[in-house]
Amino acid sequence: MRYDISNIGEAIRKVQREHEMSQADFADKIGANISTVSKWIRGVNDPPLWGLLAICEAYDVKLTELVRPIKPKQEAMKVKR
């Protein structure tokens, strides 16, 4: 199965805001640098797997709340366009 990470920055920002944390505190809790988290949120860089798993563990969210599975029909439609 493939995953859509096009909105990963928005999903990370949503988790941060739901927990009413600054980017610095959010980054510290997952063991990341604030500039790294900022780049994830702004879409400059995609978070690595360790970052996604750290967010899931620290903030009790499911991975599918951050990334969306691409269903076979959706994948076929993207290829046709």
Protein backbone atom coordinates (compact mmCIF):
# COMPACT_ATOMS: atom_id res chain seq x y z
CA MET A 1 0.00 0.00 0.00
CA ARG A 2 1.17 3.51 -0.77
CA TYR A 3 0.64 6.61 1.36
CA ASP A 4 -0.13 10.23 0.57
CA ILE A 5 2.05 12.59 2.57
CA SER A 6 1.16 15.74 0.64
CA ASN A 7 -0.51 17.27 3.70
CA ILE A 8 1.90 15.98 6.32
CA GLY A 9 2.93 19.46 7.45
CA GLU A 10 -0.67 20.46 8.09
CA ALA A 11 -1.27 17.22 10.00
CA ILE A 12 1.78 17.82 12.21
CA ARG A 13 0.73 21.42 12.84
CA LYS A 14 -2.75 20.19 13.81
CA VAL A 15 -1.28 17.82 16.42
CA GLN A 16 0.93 20.62 17.75
CA ARG A 17 -1.98 23.04 18.06
CA GLU A 18 -4.31 20.46 19.59
CA HIS A 19 -1.77 20.06 22.38
CA GLU A 20 -1.32 23.84 22.63
CA MET A 21 2.45 23.61 22.35
CA SER A 22 5.06 25.85 20.84
CA GLN A 23 7.14 24.36 18.04
CA ALA A 24 10.11 24.29 20.43
CA ASP A 25 8.22 22.29 23.07
CA PHE A 26 6.69 20.03 20.41
CA ALA A 27 10.13 19.34 18.92
CA ASP A 28 11.70 18.74 22.32
CA LYS A 29 9.06 16.18 23.26
CA ILE A 30 9.81 14.08 20.16
CA GLY A 31 13.58 14.53 20.40
CA ALA A 32 13.90 16.69 17.30
CA ASN A 33 15.45 20.04 16.55
CA ILE A 34 13.02 22.98 16.26
CA SER A 35 14.31 23.89 12.79
CA THR A 36 13.73 20.31 11.65
CA VAL A 37 10.13 20.34 12.86
CA SER A 38 9.61 23.76 11.30
CA LYS A 39 10.78 22.38 7.95
CA TRP A 40 8.36 19.45 8.25
CA ILE A 41 5.46 21.79 9.02
CA ARG A 42 6.33 24.18 6.17
CA GLY A 43 6.76 21.31 3.72
CA VAL A 44 10.44 22.02 3.08
CA ASN A 45 11.37 18.46 4.11
CA ASP A 46 9.29 15.35 4.70
CA PRO A 47 9.67 13.83 8.14
CA PRO A 48 11.56 10.53 8.29
CA LEU A 49 9.88 7.45 9.71
CA TRP A 50 11.47 7.98 13.14
CA GLY A 51 9.90 11.45 13.29
CA LEU A 52 6.45 10.18 12.40
CA LEU A 53 6.69 7.36 14.94
CA ALA A 54 7.95 9.75 17.62
CA ILE A 55 4.96 12.04 17.03
CA CYS A 56 2.58 9.08 17.20
CA GLU A 57 4.08 7.83 20.45
CA ALA A 58 4.48 11.19 22.18
CA TYR A 59 1.06 12.54 21.24
CA ASP A 60 -0.96 9.32 21.10
CA VAL A 61 -1.97 9.66 17.45
CA LYS A 62 -2.25 6.98 14.81
CA LEU A 63 0.07 7.05 11.83
CA THR A 64 -2.96 7.24 9.55
CA GLU A 65 -3.85 10.55 11.19
CA LEU A 66 -0.61 11.94 9.77
CA VAL A 67 -0.48 10.11 6.44
CA ARG A 68 -3.37 8.83 4.37
CA PRO A 69 -3.35 5.46 2.63
CA ILE A 70 -3.89 5.72 -1.12
CA LYS A 71 -6.60 3.30 -2.13
CA PRO A 72 -6.06 1.38 -5.37
CA LYS A 73 -8.82 3.35 -7.17
CA GLN A 74 -7.29 6.68 -6.15
CA GLU A 75 -3.87 5.52 -7.28
CA ALA A 76 -5.21 4.49 -10.70
CA MET A 77 -6.93 7.85 -11.12
CA LYS A 78 -3.68 9.71 -10.36
CA VAL A 79 -1.83 7.66 -12.98
CA LYS A 80 -4.44 8.35 -15.70
CA ARG A 81 -4.23 12.12 -15.32
